[in-house]
Amino acid sequence: MDRWLAMRIFVHVAETASFAKAARQMQLSAPVVTRTVAALEELVGARLLVRTTRSVKTTEAGARYLEDCRRILGEIAEAEAAAAGHYARPAGTLSVTAAFMFGQLHVLPIVTEYLDLYPEMRARTFFIDRPVNIVEEGMDVAVRIGHLPDSGFTAIQVGSVSRVICAAPDYLERHGVPASPTELKQHRIVTSTSAWASPEWRFADGQRVLVEAALQTNTNQACIATARNGWGMTRVLAYQVADDLREGRLQRVLREFEEPPLPIHLLYPEGRRSPAKVRAFIDLAVTRLRENPPFL
């Protein structure tokens, strides 16, 4: 049995949850796919897939084996690409993900500069305010704000950014400037419902305040617009309101109570060798983000 081909077939079946779809994708007959997976299960001595009338799912052992197969196949592809000289110059499509506003404001200009430097390259951006699984969603590079969990990825810190509480000057004239975090309960608070939002606001020295939002929106832009219009107070990342603070449309409050800034990292899957397209983008992004930090 061709072990490499068997692994590829198993990965396709697991990812499509279908023997028939995997067979079509790989241009093989369905019996060949079925026999190969059965032979692979016999070889490893474990049931890898559970078949139902409607779908196919990995067992616990199958899920672990799937991760190992992806890693092994990826390393084989890297070795073949290196032997063919594909690491000499960026080629193909680069996929980059980041938080929505940070991506638009600070990552997109780097991506377009990268495409100008390497006109044969193509790029795909995925800017969204939720955690993205880099491997499952096919990303080459992620820009992450916040403390990182342990992972097998390579992480390079390029800066840091503070969470800031702000409101329009006319709102503060009408309602007063809070002198401590506990006084936030006397104010109209606007919050986001994004995946990273929390009703518990943390401050320096471990202080925490549970805020009750008078208004919740699904985007940080809406929170900022509401605060800019003088309706209430919001908490966002400093880069999101940098222009508003600089031009006086918003005013930062409780600065002395702010918790330490959050780190900003470039994150990419670790392998024996990163493709040239990733190395070139990382080099450019590190240079641009460190030399022109837009963070407060």
Protein backbone atom coordinates (compact mmCIF):
# COMPACT_ATOMS: atom_id res chain seq x y z
CA MET A 1 0.00 0.00 0.00
CA ASP A 2 1.22 3.48 -0.86
CA ARG A 3 1.23 5.03 2.64
CA TRP A 4 1.51 8.60 1.34
CA LEU A 5 -1.47 8.14 -1.00
CA ALA A 6 -3.45 6.42 1.76
CA MET A 7 -2.88 9.39 4.07
CA ARG A 8 -4.01 11.80 1.37
CA ILE A 9 -7.16 9.78 0.77
CA PHE A 10 -7.90 9.62 4.51
CA VAL A 11 -7.46 13.40 4.87
CA HIS A 12 -9.79 14.07 1.93
CA VAL A 13 -12.45 11.73 3.33
CA ALA A 14 -12.21 13.30 6.80
CA GLU A 15 -12.33 16.87 5.48
CA THR A 16 -15.24 16.26 3.11
CA ALA A 17 -17.05 13.89 5.51
CA SER A 18 -17.77 11.73 2.46
CA PHE A 19 -16.12 8.85 0.63
CA ALA A 20 -17.89 9.81 -2.60
CA LYS A 21 -16.79 13.47 -2.48
CA ALA A 22 -13.22 12.48 -1.68
CA ALA A 23 -13.21 10.06 -4.61
CA ARG A 24 -14.47 12.78 -6.99
CA GLN A 25 -11.93 15.33 -5.74
CA MET A 26 -9.06 12.90 -6.18
CA GLN A 27 -10.40 11.43 -9.42
CA LEU A 28 -10.46 7.93 -7.96
CA SER A 29 -13.20 5.34 -7.86
CA ALA A 30 -15.28 5.09 -4.69
CA PRO A 31 -14.28 1.41 -4.11
CA VAL A 32 -10.59 2.35 -4.24
CA VAL A 33 -11.13 5.07 -1.61
CA THR A 34 -13.12 2.74 0.63
CA ARG A 35 -10.59 -0.12 0.37
CA THR A 36 -7.65 2.21 0.98
CA VAL A 37 -9.14 3.66 4.16
CA ALA A 38 -10.00 0.17 5.41
CA ALA A 39 -6.44 -0.99 4.73
CA LEU A 40 -5.06 2.07 6.51
CA GLU A 41 -7.23 1.36 9.57
CA GLU A 42 -5.96 -2.21 9.61
CA LEU A 43 -2.38 -1.01 9.29
CA VAL A 44 -2.56 1.48 12.18
CA GLY A 45 -4.67 -0.89 14.26
CA ALA A 46 -7.44 1.56 15.06
CA ARG A 47 -10.82 2.66 13.78
CA LEU A 48 -10.29 6.07 12.18
CA LEU A 49 -13.73 6.86 10.77
CA VAL A 50 -17.30 6.26 11.84
CA ARG A 51 -19.62 5.81 8.90
CA THR A 52 -23.32 6.72 9.09
CA THR A 53 -25.99 6.81 6.41
CA ARG A 54 -25.49 10.55 5.97
CA SER A 55 -21.91 11.40 6.82
CA VAL A 56 -18.50 10.26 7.92
CA LYS A 57 -16.86 11.43 11.15
CA THR A 58 -13.46 10.84 12.66
CA THR A 59 -13.13 8.83 15.85
CA GLU A 60 -11.00 10.16 18.70
CA ALA A 61 -8.06 8.18 17.34
CA GLY A 62 -8.94 9.34 13.83
CA ALA A 63 -8.90 13.00 14.84
CA ARG A 64 -5.40 12.65 16.29
CA TYR A 65 -4.23 10.71 13.24
CA LEU A 66 -5.74 13.40 10.97
CA GLU A 67 -3.60 16.10 12.61
CA ASP A 68 -0.50 13.95 12.18
CA CYS A 69 -1.35 13.23 8.53
CA ARG A 70 -1.77 16.93 7.77
CA ARG A 71 1.58 17.71 9.36
CA ILE A 72 3.39 14.87 7.56
CA LEU A 73 1.83 15.68 4.19
CA GLY A 74 2.65 19.35 4.69
CA GLU A 75 6.28 18.52 5.39
CA ILE A 76 6.43 16.32 2.31
CA ALA A 77 5.00 19.17 0.22
CA GLU A 78 7.58 21.56 1.73
CA ALA A 79 10.41 19.18 0.93
CA GLU A 80 9.24 18.77 -2.67
CA ALA A 81 8.80 22.51 -3.08
CA ALA A 82 12.28 23.15 -1.69
CA ALA A 83 13.78 20.59 -4.06
CA ALA A 84 11.99 22.24 -6.98
CA GLY A 85 13.29 25.68 -6.01
CA HIS A 86 9.93 27.10 -4.90
CA TYR A 87 11.52 28.68 -1.83
CA ALA A 88 13.74 30.95 -3.90
CA ARG A 89 11.09 33.59 -4.62
CA PRO A 90 7.51 34.20 -3.44
CA ALA A 91 4.91 32.42 -5.56
CA GLY A 92 1.24 31.54 -5.34
CA THR A 93 -1.41 33.14 -3.12
CA LEU A 94 -0.82 34.61 0.34
CA SER A 95 -3.71 34.47 2.84
CA VAL A 96 -3.69 36.91 5.77
CA THR A 97 -6.18 37.34 8.60
CA ALA A 98 -6.57 40.08 11.22
CA ALA A 99 -9.19 41.83 13.31
CA PHE A 100 -11.51 43.85 11.08
CA MET A 101 -10.43 47.44 11.82
CA PHE A 102 -6.76 46.62 12.37
CA GLY A 103 -6.74 44.74 9.11
CA GLN A 104 -8.29 47.58 7.16
CA LEU A 105 -6.19 50.31 8.73
CA HIS A 106 -2.78 48.71 9.17
CA VAL A 107 -2.52 45.32 7.45
CA LEU A 108 -4.09 46.07 4.08
CA PRO A 109 -1.50 48.77 3.17
CA ILE A 110 1.26 46.23 3.87
CA VAL A 111 -0.47 43.62 1.71
CA THR A 112 -0.77 46.01 -1.24
CA GLU A 113 2.88 47.07 -0.85
CA TYR A 114 3.82 43.38 -0.81
CA LEU A 115 1.89 42.83 -4.07
CA ASP A 116 3.70 45.79 -5.62
CA LEU A 117 7.03 44.24 -4.65
CA TYR A 118 6.02 40.81 -5.97
CA PRO A 119 3.59 41.38 -8.88
CA GLU A 120 3.45 37.66 -9.67
CA MET A 121 1.88 37.03 -6.25
CA ARG A 122 -1.82 37.04 -5.38
CA ALA A 123 -3.26 37.75 -1.94
CA ARG A 124 -6.42 37.05 0.02
CA THR A 125 -7.36 38.90 3.22
CA PHE A 126 -9.84 37.78 5.85
CA PHE A 127 -10.58 40.60 8.30
CA ILE A 128 -13.08 39.58 10.97
CA ASP A 129 -13.68 40.14 14.68
CA ARG A 130 -13.56 36.54 15.81
CA PRO A 131 -10.81 34.01 16.41
CA VAL A 132 -9.76 32.32 13.16
CA ASN A 133 -8.36 28.79 13.06
CA ILE A 134 -5.28 29.38 10.94
CA VAL A 135 -4.88 25.81 9.74
CA GLU A 136 -8.52 24.89 9.20
CA GLU A 137 -9.31 28.16 7.39
CA GLY A 138 -6.19 28.05 5.23
CA MET A 139 -4.39 31.16 6.48
CA ASP A 140 -0.68 31.72 5.95
CA VAL A 141 -0.31 34.58 8.43
CA ALA A 142 -2.47 35.94 11.24
CA VAL A 143 -2.16 39.24 13.11
CA ARG A 144 -3.28 38.65 16.69
CA ILE A 145 -3.95 41.22 19.40
CA GLY A 146 -3.77 39.89 22.96
CA HIS A 147 -1.92 37.22 24.88
CA LEU A 148 -1.38 34.03 22.88
CA PRO A 149 -2.11 30.51 24.08
CA ASP A 150 0.63 27.94 23.70
CA SER A 151 0.67 26.57 20.15
CA GLY A 152 2.96 25.15 17.53
CA PHE A 153 2.97 28.45 15.64
CA THR A 154 5.81 30.92 15.27
CA ALA A 155 4.97 34.29 16.87
CA ILE A 156 6.78 37.60 16.38
CA GLN A 157 5.75 40.59 18.49
CA VAL A 158 5.50 43.80 16.48
CA GLY A 159 3.97 46.16 19.02
CA SER A 160 1.35 46.61 21.69
CA VAL A 161 -1.92 48.46 22.09
CA SER A 162 -3.99 49.72 25.02
CA ARG A 163 -7.68 49.40 25.71
CA VAL A 164 -9.06 52.90 26.19
CA ILE A 165 -12.32 54.28 27.54
CA CYS A 166 -13.50 57.36 25.73
CA ALA A 167 -16.44 59.68 25.20
CA ALA A 168 -17.22 62.88 23.32
CA PRO A 169 -16.32 66.13 25.13
CA ASP A 170 -19.95 67.29 25.13
CA TYR A 171 -21.07 64.03 26.77
CA LEU A 172 -18.48 64.52 29.52
CA GLU A 173 -19.61 68.11 29.99
CA ARG A 174 -23.19 66.94 30.55
CA HIS A 175 -22.49 63.81 32.61
CA GLY A 176 -19.10 64.46 34.19
CA VAL A 177 -15.77 62.71 33.92
CA PRO A 178 -15.53 59.48 35.96
CA ALA A 179 -12.83 59.66 38.64
CA SER A 180 -12.57 55.89 39.16
CA PRO A 181 -13.70 52.70 37.39
CA THR A 182 -16.56 52.19 39.84
CA GLU A 183 -18.14 55.47 38.65
CA LEU A 184 -18.70 53.90 35.22
CA LYS A 185 -21.95 52.48 36.61
CA GLN A 186 -23.29 56.04 36.60
CA HIS A 187 -22.73 56.42 32.85
CA ARG A 188 -24.33 55.20 29.63
CA ILE A 189 -22.06 52.48 28.29
CA VAL A 190 -21.93 51.28 24.69
CA THR A 191 -20.34 47.87 24.08
CA SER A 192 -19.68 45.45 21.25
CA THR A 193 -21.05 41.92 20.99
CA SER A 194 -17.93 40.66 19.21
CA ALA A 195 -16.32 37.37 20.19
CA TRP A 196 -13.67 39.17 22.27
CA ALA A 197 -16.04 41.48 24.17
CA SER A 198 -16.69 40.94 27.86
CA PRO A 199 -19.03 42.73 30.30
CA GLU A 200 -16.23 42.59 32.86
CA TRP A 201 -13.80 45.45 32.33
CA ARG A 202 -10.36 44.94 33.85
CA PHE A 203 -8.10 47.67 35.14
CA ALA A 204 -4.67 48.09 36.70
CA ASP A 205 -3.87 46.28 39.96
CA GLY A 206 -6.41 43.57 39.18
CA GLN A 207 -9.45 45.80 39.63
CA ARG A 208 -12.54 44.60 37.77
CA VAL A 209 -15.87 46.29 37.10
CA LEU A 210 -18.95 44.56 35.70
CA VAL A 211 -20.54 47.08 33.36
CA GLU A 212 -24.15 47.03 32.22
CA ALA A 213 -24.39 48.21 28.64
CA ALA A 214 -27.15 50.66 27.79
CA LEU A 215 -26.54 49.84 24.13
CA GLN A 216 -24.88 46.84 22.47
CA THR A 217 -23.83 46.79 18.81
CA ASN A 218 -22.22 44.11 16.68
CA THR A 219 -19.32 46.29 15.49
CA ASN A 220 -16.69 48.44 17.15
CA GLN A 221 -17.28 51.09 14.48
CA ALA A 222 -20.86 51.50 15.69
CA CYS A 223 -19.68 51.82 19.30
CA ILE A 224 -17.22 54.51 18.29
CA ALA A 225 -19.78 56.38 16.16
CA THR A 226 -22.26 56.37 19.05
CA ALA A 227 -19.65 57.73 21.44
CA ARG A 228 -18.54 60.32 18.88
CA ASN A 229 -22.15 61.52 18.63
CA GLY A 230 -22.18 62.23 22.34
CA TRP A 231 -24.65 59.53 23.39
CA GLY A 232 -22.45 57.46 25.72
CA MET A 233 -19.07 56.07 26.66
CA THR A 234 -17.28 53.08 25.09
CA ARG A 235 -14.13 51.00 25.49
CA VAL A 236 -12.11 50.05 22.41
CA LEU A 237 -8.52 49.52 21.36
CA ALA A 238 -6.50 52.72 21.06
CA TYR A 239 -5.70 52.36 17.36
CA GLN A 240 -9.43 52.29 16.57
CA VAL A 241 -9.92 55.84 17.88
CA ALA A 242 -6.44 57.30 17.30
CA ASP A 243 -7.67 59.97 14.86
CA ASP A 244 -10.69 60.84 17.00
CA LEU A 245 -8.52 61.32 20.09
CA ARG A 246 -5.89 63.30 18.20
CA GLU A 247 -8.48 65.62 16.64
CA GLY A 248 -10.52 66.05 19.82
CA ARG A 249 -13.72 64.31 18.75
CA LEU A 250 -13.26 61.87 21.62
CA GLN A 251 -11.60 62.23 25.00
CA ARG A 252 -9.76 59.47 26.85
CA VAL A 253 -10.77 58.93 30.48
CA LEU A 254 -9.47 56.83 33.40
CA ARG A 255 -6.08 56.59 31.72
CA GLU A 256 -4.26 56.13 35.03
CA PHE A 257 -6.38 53.01 35.69
CA GLU A 258 -5.70 51.29 32.35
CA GLU A 259 -4.30 47.76 32.43
CA PRO A 260 -0.97 47.06 30.67
CA PRO A 261 -1.09 47.18 26.86
CA LEU A 262 -1.92 44.05 24.88
CA PRO A 263 0.82 42.57 22.68
CA ILE A 264 0.42 42.42 18.90
CA HIS A 265 1.94 39.41 17.15
CA LEU A 266 2.40 38.08 13.66
CA LEU A 267 1.57 34.39 13.80
CA TYR A 268 2.25 31.72 11.20
CA PRO A 269 2.36 27.91 11.15
CA GLU A 270 5.73 26.54 12.10
CA GLY A 271 7.42 24.13 9.75
CA ARG A 272 10.89 23.07 8.84
CA ARG A 273 10.95 25.89 6.33
CA SER A 274 8.42 28.60 5.71
CA PRO A 275 7.61 29.25 2.04
CA ALA A 276 9.26 32.30 0.51
CA LYS A 277 5.86 34.01 0.18
CA VAL A 278 5.41 33.87 3.97
CA ARG A 279 8.99 34.85 4.83
CA ALA A 280 8.85 37.84 2.51
CA PHE A 281 5.55 39.08 3.94
CA ILE A 282 6.70 38.59 7.55
CA ASP A 283 9.89 40.56 6.88
CA LEU A 284 7.94 43.44 5.34
CA ALA A 285 5.19 43.45 7.98
CA VAL A 286 7.64 43.41 10.90
CA THR A 287 9.52 46.35 9.40
CA ARG A 288 6.40 48.43 8.66
CA LEU A 289 4.57 47.79 11.91
CA ARG A 290 7.63 48.43 14.05
CA GLU A 291 8.81 51.54 12.23
CA ASN A 292 5.36 53.18 12.09
CA PRO A 293 3.53 52.00 15.19
CA PRO A 294 -0.06 53.30 15.04
CA PHE A 295 -0.68 52.22 18.62
CA LEU A 296 -1.26 54.29 21.76
